[in-house]
PDB file of N, CA and C in Angstrom:
ATOM      1  N   MET A   1     -13.165 -69.278   4.684  1.00  0.00           N
ATOM      2  CA  MET A   1     -11.924 -68.995   3.978  1.00  0.00           C
ATOM      3  C   MET A   1     -12.302 -68.638   2.496  1.00  0.00           C
ATOM      4  N   PHE A   2     -11.443 -67.733   1.964  1.00  0.00           N
ATOM      5  CA  PHE A   2     -11.644 -67.275   0.618  1.00  0.00           C
ATOM      6  C   PHE A   2     -10.952 -68.197  -0.385  1.00  0.00           C
ATOM      7  N   ASN A   3     -11.598 -68.702  -1.414  1.00  0.00           N
ATOM      8  CA  ASN A   3     -11.070 -69.666  -2.252  1.00  0.00           C
ATOM      9  C   ASN A   3     -10.852 -69.160  -3.692  1.00  0.00           C
ATOM     10  N   ALA A   4     -11.274 -67.924  -4.032  1.00  0.00           N
ATOM     11  CA  ALA A   4     -11.163 -67.493  -5.432  1.00  0.00           C
ATOM     12  C   ALA A   4      -9.678 -67.338  -5.791  1.00  0.00           C
ATOM     13  N   ASP A   5      -9.345 -67.772  -6.949  1.00  0.00           N
ATOM     14  CA  ASP A   5      -7.926 -67.779  -7.481  1.00  0.00           C
ATOM     15  C   ASP A   5      -7.847 -66.821  -8.619  1.00  0.00           C
ATOM     16  N   THR A   6      -6.991 -65.860  -8.546  1.00  0.00           N
ATOM     17  CA  THR A   6      -6.841 -64.879  -9.609  1.00  0.00           C
ATOM     18  C   THR A   6      -5.683 -65.294 -10.578  1.00  0.00           C
ATOM     19  N   GLY A   7      -5.027 -66.411 -10.343  1.00  0.00           N
ATOM     20  CA  GLY A   7      -3.910 -66.797 -11.117  1.00  0.00           C
ATOM     21  C   GLY A   7      -4.321 -67.492 -12.379  1.00  0.00           C
ATOM     22  N   THR A   8      -3.372 -67.645 -13.279  1.00  0.00           N
ATOM     23  CA  THR A   8      -3.589 -68.348 -14.525  1.00  0.00           C
ATOM     24  C   THR A   8      -2.502 -69.437 -14.633  1.00  0.00           C
ATOM     25  N   GLY A   9      -2.694 -70.311 -15.557  1.00  0.00           N
ATOM     26  CA  GLY A   9      -1.655 -71.389 -15.771  1.00  0.00           C
ATOM     27  C   GLY A   9      -2.373 -72.645 -16.125  1.00  0.00           C
ATOM     28  N   ASP A  10      -1.539 -73.585 -16.600  1.00  0.00           N
ATOM     29  CA  ASP A  10      -2.039 -74.873 -17.045  1.00  0.00           C
ATOM     30  C   ASP A  10      -2.670 -75.655 -15.898  1.00  0.00           C
ATOM     31  N   ASN A  11      -2.147 -75.529 -14.664  1.00  0.00           N
ATOM     32  CA  ASN A  11      -2.652 -76.312 -13.533  1.00  0.00           C
ATOM     33  C   ASN A  11      -3.670 -75.507 -12.708  1.00  0.00           C
ATOM     34  N   GLY A  12      -3.885 -74.251 -13.076  1.00  0.00           N
ATOM     35  CA  GLY A  12      -4.808 -73.436 -12.265  1.00  0.00           C
ATOM     36  C   GLY A  12      -6.242 -73.660 -12.625  1.00  0.00           C
ATOM     37  N   PRO A  13      -7.110 -72.870 -11.989  1.00  0.00           N
ATOM     38  CA  PRO A  13      -8.571 -73.028 -12.263  1.00  0.00           C
ATOM     39  C   PRO A  13      -8.933 -72.609 -13.701  1.00  0.00           C
ATOM     40  N   GLU A  14     -10.042 -73.122 -14.162  1.00  0.00           N
ATOM     41  CA  GLU A  14     -10.442 -72.771 -15.492  1.00  0.00           C
ATOM     42  C   GLU A  14     -10.813 -71.284 -15.485  1.00  0.00           C
ATOM     43  N   MET A  15     -10.353 -70.556 -16.441  1.00  0.00           N
ATOM     44  CA  MET A  15     -10.613 -69.103 -16.536  1.00  0.00           C
ATOM     45  C   MET A  15     -11.766 -68.853 -17.516  1.00  0.00           C
ATOM     46  N   VAL A  16     -12.592 -67.947 -17.186  1.00  0.00           N
ATOM     47  CA  VAL A  16     -13.808 -67.623 -18.043  1.00  0.00           C
ATOM     48  C   VAL A  16     -13.657 -66.165 -18.341  1.00  0.00           C
ATOM     49  N   GLN A  17     -13.875 -65.790 -19.619  1.00  0.00           N
ATOM     50  CA  GLN A  17     -13.798 -64.445 -20.067  1.00  0.00           C
ATOM     51  C   GLN A  17     -15.115 -63.685 -19.720  1.00  0.00           C
ATOM     52  N   VAL A  18     -15.002 -62.453 -19.177  1.00  0.00           N
ATOM     53  CA  VAL A  18     -16.207 -61.660 -18.861  1.00  0.00           C
ATOM     54  C   VAL A  18     -15.980 -60.305 -19.559  1.00  0.00           C
ATOM     55  N   ASN A  19     -17.093 -59.845 -20.200  1.00  0.00           N
ATOM     56  CA  ASN A  19     -17.014 -58.547 -20.891  1.00  0.00           C
ATOM     57  C   ASN A  19     -17.748 -57.457 -20.010  1.00  0.00           C
ATOM     58  N   LEU A  20     -17.145 -56.343 -19.931  1.00  0.00           N
ATOM     59  CA  LEU A  20     -17.676 -55.200 -19.183  1.00  0.00           C
ATOM     60  C   LEU A  20     -17.846 -54.002 -20.067  1.00  0.00           C
ATOM     61  N   ARG A  21     -18.876 -53.190 -19.776  1.00  0.00           N
ATOM     62  CA  ARG A  21     -19.083 -51.948 -20.472  1.00  0.00           C
ATOM     63  C   ARG A  21     -18.806 -50.871 -19.407  1.00  0.00           C
ATOM     64  N   LEU A  22     -17.752 -50.005 -19.698  1.00  0.00           N
ATOM     65  CA  LEU A  22     -17.319 -48.969 -18.791  1.00  0.00           C
ATOM     66  C   LEU A  22     -17.266 -47.689 -19.508  1.00  0.00           C
ATOM     67  N   SER A  23     -17.460 -46.599 -18.806  1.00  0.00           N
ATOM     68  CA  SER A  23     -17.248 -45.242 -19.460  1.00  0.00           C
ATOM     69  C   SER A  23     -15.770 -45.061 -19.770  1.00  0.00           C
ATOM     70  N   LYS A  24     -15.511 -44.305 -20.802  1.00  0.00           N
ATOM     71  CA  LYS A  24     -14.126 -44.062 -21.212  1.00  0.00           C
ATOM     72  C   LYS A  24     -13.351 -43.404 -20.073  1.00  0.00           C
ATOM     73  N   ALA A  25     -13.934 -42.450 -19.355  1.00  0.00           N
ATOM     74  CA  ALA A  25     -13.321 -41.845 -18.252  1.00  0.00           C
ATOM     75  C   ALA A  25     -12.939 -42.836 -17.133  1.00  0.00           C
ATOM     76  N   PHE A  26     -13.847 -43.753 -16.832  1.00  0.00           N
ATOM     77  CA  PHE A  26     -13.622 -44.785 -15.752  1.00  0.00           C
ATOM     78  C   PHE A  26     -12.412 -45.657 -16.183  1.00  0.00           C
ATOM     79  N   LEU A  27     -12.450 -46.093 -17.484  1.00  0.00           N
ATOM     80  CA  LEU A  27     -11.448 -46.940 -17.964  1.00  0.00           C
ATOM     81  C   LEU A  27     -10.067 -46.267 -17.918  1.00  0.00           C
ATOM     82  N   GLU A  28     -10.089 -44.947 -18.220  1.00  0.00           N
ATOM     83  CA  GLU A  28      -8.770 -44.266 -18.136  1.00  0.00           C
ATOM     84  C   GLU A  28      -8.271 -44.208 -16.659  1.00  0.00           C
ATOM     85  N   ASP A  29      -9.213 -44.062 -15.647  1.00  0.00           N
ATOM     86  CA  ASP A  29      -8.835 -44.144 -14.278  1.00  0.00           C
ATOM     87  C   ASP A  29      -8.313 -45.499 -13.962  1.00  0.00           C
ATOM     88  N   ILE A  30      -8.914 -46.541 -14.439  1.00  0.00           N
ATOM     89  CA  ILE A  30      -8.432 -47.945 -14.200  1.00  0.00           C
ATOM     90  C   ILE A  30      -7.083 -48.077 -14.781  1.00  0.00           C
ATOM     91  N   ASP A  31      -6.821 -47.549 -16.013  1.00  0.00           N
ATOM     92  CA  ASP A  31      -5.528 -47.746 -16.645  1.00  0.00           C
ATOM     93  C   ASP A  31      -4.457 -46.980 -15.863  1.00  0.00           C
ATOM     94  N   THR A  32      -4.804 -45.833 -15.346  1.00  0.00           N
ATOM     95  CA  THR A  32      -3.803 -45.096 -14.535  1.00  0.00           C
ATOM     96  C   THR A  32      -3.493 -45.881 -13.253  1.00  0.00           C
ATOM     97  N   THR A  33      -4.443 -46.528 -12.692  1.00  0.00           N
ATOM     98  CA  THR A  33      -4.271 -47.249 -11.412  1.00  0.00           C
ATOM     99  C   THR A  33      -3.490 -48.550 -11.661  1.00  0.00           C
ATOM    100  N   TRP A  34      -3.885 -49.372 -12.618  1.00  0.00           N
ATOM    101  CA  TRP A  34      -3.152 -50.642 -12.767  1.00  0.00           C
ATOM    102  C   TRP A  34      -1.758 -50.439 -13.202  1.00  0.00           C
ATOM    103  N   GLU A  35      -1.400 -49.388 -13.923  1.00  0.00           N
ATOM    104  CA  GLU A  35      -0.073 -49.174 -14.306  1.00  0.00           C
ATOM    105  C   GLU A  35       0.893 -48.825 -13.163  1.00  0.00           C
ATOM    106  N   GLN A  36       0.267 -48.611 -11.943  1.00  0.00           N
ATOM    107  CA  GLN A  36       1.031 -48.243 -10.763  1.00  0.00           C
ATOM    108  C   GLN A  36       1.489 -49.484 -10.039  1.00  0.00           C
ATOM    109  N   GLY A  37       1.225 -50.714 -10.453  1.00  0.00           N
ATOM    110  CA  GLY A  37       1.711 -51.860  -9.670  1.00  0.00           C
ATOM    111  C   GLY A  37       1.242 -53.199 -10.180  1.00  0.00           C
ATOM    112  N   PHE A  38       0.479 -53.293 -11.235  1.00  0.00           N
ATOM    113  CA  PHE A  38      -0.034 -54.503 -11.715  1.00  0.00           C
ATOM    114  C   PHE A  38       0.545 -54.761 -13.120  1.00  0.00           C
ATOM    115  N   ASN A  39       0.610 -56.028 -13.517  1.00  0.00           N
ATOM    116  CA  ASN A  39       1.114 -56.377 -14.877  1.00  0.00           C
ATOM    117  C   ASN A  39       0.190 -56.114 -15.975  1.00  0.00           C
ATOM    118  N   SER A  40      -1.125 -56.038 -15.700  1.00  0.00           N
ATOM    119  CA  SER A  40      -2.092 -55.821 -16.735  1.00  0.00           C
ATOM    120  C   SER A  40      -3.395 -55.288 -16.231  1.00  0.00           C
ATOM    121  N   ARG A  41      -4.195 -54.773 -17.085  1.00  0.00           N
ATOM    122  CA  ARG A  41      -5.551 -54.286 -16.657  1.00  0.00           C
ATOM    123  C   ARG A  41      -6.408 -55.450 -16.135  1.00  0.00           C
ATOM    124  N   GLY A  42      -6.262 -56.628 -16.746  1.00  0.00           N
ATOM    125  CA  GLY A  42      -7.055 -57.818 -16.321  1.00  0.00           C
ATOM    126  C   GLY A  42      -6.623 -58.268 -14.935  1.00  0.00           C
ATOM    127  N   GLU A  43      -5.309 -58.235 -14.691  1.00  0.00           N
ATOM    128  CA  GLU A  43      -4.886 -58.605 -13.352  1.00  0.00           C
ATOM    129  C   GLU A  43      -5.420 -57.693 -12.315  1.00  0.00           C
ATOM    130  N   PHE A  44      -5.351 -56.342 -12.579  1.00  0.00           N
ATOM    131  CA  PHE A  44      -5.922 -55.391 -11.624  1.00  0.00           C
ATOM    132  C   PHE A  44      -7.432 -55.667 -11.384  1.00  0.00           C
ATOM    133  N   LEU A  45      -8.173 -55.867 -12.404  1.00  0.00           N
ATOM    134  CA  LEU A  45      -9.614 -56.058 -12.271  1.00  0.00           C
ATOM    135  C   LEU A  45      -9.926 -57.362 -11.461  1.00  0.00           C
ATOM    136  N   ARG A  46      -9.143 -58.383 -11.733  1.00  0.00           N
ATOM    137  CA  ARG A  46      -9.286 -59.631 -10.950  1.00  0.00           C
ATOM    138  C   ARG A  46      -9.081 -59.378  -9.474  1.00  0.00           C
ATOM    139  N   TYR A  47      -8.013 -58.720  -9.139  1.00  0.00           N
ATOM    140  CA  TYR A  47      -7.669 -58.388  -7.741  1.00  0.00           C
ATOM    141  C   TYR A  47      -8.759 -57.474  -7.149  1.00  0.00           C
ATOM    142  N   ALA A  48      -9.264 -56.490  -7.916  1.00  0.00           N
ATOM    143  CA  ALA A  48     -10.309 -55.622  -7.377  1.00  0.00           C
ATOM    144  C   ALA A  48     -11.579 -56.432  -7.108  1.00  0.00           C
ATOM    145  N   ALA A  49     -11.953 -57.278  -8.017  1.00  0.00           N
ATOM    146  CA  ALA A  49     -13.106 -58.098  -7.824  1.00  0.00           C
ATOM    147  C   ALA A  49     -13.006 -59.059  -6.675  1.00  0.00           C
ATOM    148  N   ARG A  50     -11.809 -59.639  -6.561  1.00  0.00           N
ATOM    149  CA  ARG A  50     -11.536 -60.577  -5.451  1.00  0.00           C
ATOM    150  C   ARG A  50     -11.624 -59.847  -4.102  1.00  0.00           C
ATOM    151  N   ASP A  51     -11.057 -58.678  -4.078  1.00  0.00           N
ATOM    152  CA  ASP A  51     -11.140 -57.900  -2.800  1.00  0.00           C
ATOM    153  C   ASP A  51     -12.595 -57.518  -2.414  1.00  0.00           C
ATOM    154  N   ALA A  52     -13.370 -57.209  -3.467  1.00  0.00           N
ATOM    155  CA  ALA A  52     -14.773 -56.777  -3.206  1.00  0.00           C
ATOM    156  C   ALA A  52     -15.552 -58.010  -2.677  1.00  0.00           C
ATOM    157  N   VAL A  53     -15.258 -59.200  -3.193  1.00  0.00           N
ATOM    158  CA  VAL A  53     -15.952 -60.432  -2.746  1.00  0.00           C
ATOM    159  C   VAL A  53     -15.425 -60.827  -1.414  1.00  0.00           C
ATOM    160  N   LYS A  54     -14.114 -60.701  -1.177  1.00  0.00           N
ATOM    161  CA  LYS A  54     -13.523 -61.117   0.052  1.00  0.00           C
ATOM    162  C   LYS A  54     -13.934 -60.193   1.232  1.00  0.00           C
ATOM    163  N   HIS A  55     -14.227 -59.031   0.948  1.00  0.00           N
ATOM    164  CA  HIS A  55     -14.598 -58.013   1.970  1.00  0.00           C
ATOM    165  C   HIS A  55     -15.928 -57.347   1.669  1.00  0.00           C
ATOM    166  N   PRO A  56     -17.005 -58.115   1.621  1.00  0.00           N
ATOM    167  CA  PRO A  56     -18.312 -57.521   1.269  1.00  0.00           C
ATOM    168  C   PRO A  56     -18.816 -56.548   2.316  1.00  0.00           C
ATOM    169  N   GLU A  57     -18.274 -56.606   3.543  1.00  0.00           N
ATOM    170  CA  GLU A  57     -18.644 -55.630   4.550  1.00  0.00           C
ATOM    171  C   GLU A  57     -18.085 -54.251   4.289  1.00  0.00           C
ATOM    172  N   PHE A  58     -17.121 -54.156   3.462  1.00  0.00           N
ATOM    173  CA  PHE A  58     -16.514 -52.882   3.179  1.00  0.00           C
ATOM    174  C   PHE A  58     -17.436 -52.178   2.160  1.00  0.00           C
ATOM    175  N   SER A  59     -17.919 -51.002   2.549  1.00  0.00           N
ATOM    176  CA  SER A  59     -18.964 -50.259   1.801  1.00  0.00           C
ATOM    177  C   SER A  59     -18.395 -49.610   0.565  1.00  0.00           C
ATOM    178  N   ARG A  60     -19.349 -49.286  -0.340  1.00  0.00           N
ATOM    179  CA  ARG A  60     -18.958 -48.491  -1.521  1.00  0.00           C
ATOM    180  C   ARG A  60     -18.339 -47.193  -1.146  1.00  0.00           C
ATOM    181  N   GLU A  61     -18.856 -46.584  -0.057  1.00  0.00           N
ATOM    182  CA  GLU A  61     -18.222 -45.342   0.444  1.00  0.00           C
ATOM    183  C   GLU A  61     -16.755 -45.556   0.800  1.00  0.00           C
ATOM    184  N   GLY A  62     -16.478 -46.702   1.435  1.00  0.00           N
ATOM    185  CA  GLY A  62     -15.139 -46.982   1.796  1.00  0.00           C
ATOM    186  C   GLY A  62     -14.189 -47.082   0.584  1.00  0.00           C
ATOM    187  N   TRP A  63     -14.650 -47.745  -0.469  1.00  0.00           N
ATOM    188  CA  TRP A  63     -13.902 -47.842  -1.683  1.00  0.00           C
ATOM    189  C   TRP A  63     -13.701 -46.444  -2.323  1.00  0.00           C
ATOM    190  N   LYS A  64     -14.723 -45.588  -2.202  1.00  0.00           N
ATOM    191  CA  LYS A  64     -14.550 -44.223  -2.741  1.00  0.00           C
ATOM    192  C   LYS A  64     -13.514 -43.472  -1.971  1.00  0.00           C
ATOM    193  N   GLN A  65     -13.483 -43.710  -0.596  1.00  0.00           N
ATOM    194  CA  GLN A  65     -12.438 -42.982   0.168  1.00  0.00           C
ATOM    195  C   GLN A  65     -11.074 -43.486  -0.185  1.00  0.00           C
ATOM    196  N   ILE A  66     -10.955 -44.782  -0.427  1.00  0.00           N
ATOM    197  CA  ILE A  66      -9.671 -45.250  -0.812  1.00  0.00           C
ATOM    198  C   ILE A  66      -9.181 -44.634  -2.187  1.00  0.00           C
ATOM    199  N   ALA A  67     -10.117 -44.602  -3.153  1.00  0.00           N
ATOM    200  CA  ALA A  67      -9.748 -43.999  -4.433  1.00  0.00           C
ATOM    201  C   ALA A  67      -9.385 -42.521  -4.255  1.00  0.00           C
ATOM    202  N   ALA A  68     -10.136 -41.776  -3.434  1.00  0.00           N
ATOM    203  CA  ALA A  68      -9.862 -40.371  -3.223  1.00  0.00           C
ATOM    204  C   ALA A  68      -8.461 -40.234  -2.546  1.00  0.00           C
ATOM    205  N   SER A  69      -8.166 -41.093  -1.584  1.00  0.00           N
ATOM    206  CA  SER A  69      -6.874 -41.082  -0.890  1.00  0.00           C
ATOM    207  C   SER A  69      -5.709 -41.363  -1.889  1.00  0.00           C
ATOM    208  N   GLU A  70      -5.971 -42.361  -2.756  1.00  0.00           N
ATOM    209  CA  GLU A  70      -4.937 -42.639  -3.762  1.00  0.00           C
ATOM    210  C   GLU A  70      -4.629 -41.431  -4.641  1.00  0.00           C
ATOM    211  N   HIS A  71      -5.715 -40.745  -5.070  1.00  0.00           N
ATOM    212  CA  HIS A  71      -5.595 -39.578  -5.905  1.00  0.00           C
ATOM    213  C   HIS A  71      -4.779 -38.528  -5.096  1.00  0.00           C
ATOM    214  N   ASP A  72      -5.160 -38.308  -3.879  1.00  0.00           N
ATOM    215  CA  ASP A  72      -4.487 -37.288  -3.034  1.00  0.00           C
ATOM    216  C   ASP A  72      -2.989 -37.616  -2.870  1.00  0.00           C
ATOM    217  N   LEU A  73      -2.679 -38.953  -2.651  1.00  0.00           N
ATOM    218  CA  LEU A  73      -1.290 -39.323  -2.510  1.00  0.00           C
ATOM    219  C   LEU A  73      -0.505 -39.081  -3.830  1.00  0.00           C
ATOM    220  N   ARG A  74      -1.050 -39.414  -4.898  1.00  0.00           N
ATOM    221  CA  ARG A  74      -0.393 -39.273  -6.218  1.00  0.00           C
ATOM    222  C   ARG A  74      -0.249 -37.805  -6.572  1.00  0.00           C
ATOM    223  N   SER A  75      -1.130 -36.982  -6.158  1.00  0.00           N
ATOM    224  CA  SER A  75      -1.009 -35.535  -6.458  1.00  0.00           C
ATOM    225  C   SER A  75      -0.195 -34.795  -5.458  1.00  0.00           C
ATOM    226  N   GLY A  76       0.229 -35.485  -4.403  1.00  0.00           N
ATOM    227  CA  GLY A  76       1.077 -34.839  -3.399  1.00  0.00           C
ATOM    228  C   GLY A  76       0.350 -34.006  -2.388  1.00  0.00           C
ATOM    229  N   SER A  77      -0.953 -34.145  -2.343  1.00  0.00           N
ATOM    230  CA  SER A  77      -1.728 -33.339  -1.388  1.00  0.00           C
ATOM    231  C   SER A  77      -2.128 -34.118  -0.151  1.00  0.00           C
ATOM    232  N   ALA A  78      -1.531 -35.302   0.089  1.00  0.00           N
ATOM    233  CA  ALA A  78      -1.846 -36.125   1.249  1.00  0.00           C
ATOM    234  C   ALA A  78      -0.571 -36.920   1.639  1.00  0.00           C
ATOM    235  N   GLU A  79      -0.634 -37.426   2.881  1.00  0.00           N
ATOM    236  CA  GLU A  79       0.430 -38.208   3.346  1.00  0.00           C
ATOM    237  C   GLU A  79      -0.061 -39.637   3.691  1.00  0.00           C
ATOM    238  N   LEU A  80       0.866 -40.598   3.722  1.00  0.00           N
ATOM    239  CA  LEU A  80       0.494 -41.938   4.069  1.00  0.00           C
ATOM    240  C   LEU A  80      -0.023 -42.054   5.481  1.00  0.00           C
ATOM    241  N   VAL A  81      -0.964 -43.021   5.771  1.00  0.00           N
ATOM    242  CA  VAL A  81      -1.541 -43.158   7.049  1.00  0.00           C
ATOM    243  C   VAL A  81      -1.082 -44.566   7.581  1.00  0.00           C
ATOM    244  N   SER A  82      -1.127 -44.755   8.881  1.00  0.00           N
ATOM    245  CA  SER A  82      -0.725 -45.982   9.440  1.00  0.00           C
ATOM    246  C   SER A  82      -1.781 -47.056   9.296  1.00  0.00           C
ATOM    247  N   ARG A  83      -1.433 -48.335   9.533  1.00  0.00           N
ATOM    248  CA  ARG A  83      -2.415 -49.386   9.417  1.00  0.00           C
ATOM    249  C   ARG A  83      -3.506 -49.194  10.474  1.00  0.00           C
ATOM    250  N   GLU A  84      -3.115 -48.732  11.673  1.00  0.00           N
ATOM    251  CA  GLU A  84      -4.099 -48.476  12.751  1.00  0.00           C
ATOM    252  C   GLU A  84      -5.117 -47.401  12.308  1.00  0.00           C
ATOM    253  N   GLU A  85      -4.595 -46.390  11.609  1.00  0.00           N
ATOM    254  CA  GLU A  85      -5.500 -45.384  11.160  1.00  0.00           C
ATOM    255  C   GLU A  85      -6.495 -45.881  10.118  1.00  0.00           C
ATOM    256  N   VAL A  86      -5.970 -46.769   9.240  1.00  0.00           N
ATOM    257  CA  VAL A  86      -6.898 -47.423   8.240  1.00  0.00           C
ATOM    258  C   VAL A  86      -7.974 -48.217   8.907  1.00  0.00           C
ATOM    259  N   VAL A  87      -7.566 -49.027   9.883  1.00  0.00           N
ATOM    260  CA  VAL A  87      -8.554 -49.862  10.601  1.00  0.00           C
ATOM    261  C   VAL A  87      -9.559 -48.980  11.263  1.00  0.00           C
ATOM    262  N   GLU A  88      -9.148 -47.904  11.880  1.00  0.00           N
ATOM    263  CA  GLU A  88     -10.046 -47.006  12.541  1.00  0.00           C
ATOM    264  C   GLU A  88     -11.007 -46.312  11.518  1.00  0.00           C
ATOM    265  N   MET A  89     -10.480 -45.919  10.343  1.00  0.00           N
ATOM    266  CA  MET A  89     -11.317 -45.319   9.309  1.00  0.00           C
ATOM    267  C   MET A  89     -12.390 -46.313   8.811  1.00  0.00           C
ATOM    268  N   MET A  90     -12.066 -47.605   8.841  1.00  0.00           N
ATOM    269  CA  MET A  90     -12.999 -48.610   8.325  1.00  0.00           C
ATOM    270  C   MET A  90     -14.061 -48.947   9.407  1.00  0.00           C
ATOM    271  N   GLY A  91     -13.848 -48.418  10.645  1.00  0.00           N
ATOM    272  CA  GLY A  91     -14.798 -48.561  11.683  1.00  0.00           C
ATOM    273  C   GLY A  91     -14.649 -49.997  12.270  1.00  0.00           C
ATOM    274  N   ARG A  92     -13.480 -50.619  12.204  1.00  0.00           N
ATOM    275  CA  ARG A  92     -13.295 -52.006  12.730  1.00  0.00           C
ATOM    276  C   ARG A  92     -12.301 -51.982  13.772  1.00  0.00           C
ATOM    277  N   GLY A  93     -12.510 -52.775  14.778  1.00  0.00           N
ATOM    278  CA  GLY A  93     -11.522 -52.934  15.853  1.00  0.00           C
ATOM    279  C   GLY A  93     -10.448 -53.992  15.466  1.00  0.00           C
ATOM    280  N   GLU A  94      -9.383 -54.061  16.167  1.00  0.00           N
ATOM    281  CA  GLU A  94      -8.361 -55.075  15.935  1.00  0.00           C
ATOM    282  C   GLU A  94      -8.895 -56.488  16.003  1.00  0.00           C
ATOM    283  N   ASP A  95      -9.893 -56.718  16.847  1.00  0.00           N
ATOM    284  CA  ASP A  95     -10.462 -58.041  17.076  1.00  0.00           C
ATOM    285  C   ASP A  95     -11.318 -58.464  15.917  1.00  0.00           C
ATOM    286  N   ASP A  96     -11.799 -57.531  15.074  1.00  0.00           N
ATOM    287  CA  ASP A  96     -12.652 -57.786  13.936  1.00  0.00           C
ATOM    288  C   ASP A  96     -11.899 -58.342  12.700  1.00  0.00           C
ATOM    289  N   GLU A  97     -10.606 -58.239  12.721  1.00  0.00           N
ATOM    290  CA  GLU A  97      -9.805 -58.589  11.519  1.00  0.00           C
ATOM    291  C   GLU A  97      -9.775 -60.087  11.342  1.00  0.00           C
TER     292      GLU A  97
END
């Protein structure tokens, strides 16, 4: 079971500050993404890190495909896919979930 907590608060886990060095272009991509559904850049990065730890079997190529798909959706050059199509793209069967 996954135990990482991305929440904050007086009763939550102790939070530790981490500094990252990112290219300006990558940071701009992150800012465009987090503004689409997260409260802050930090919240987005915590969720992204949690998902990477929670799903280590998901390859870097898989994350690139997700990013490309997000871009295509936002630009209007792609359509949404079903859950089953996503599972198939990840190369996992229903029993693997």
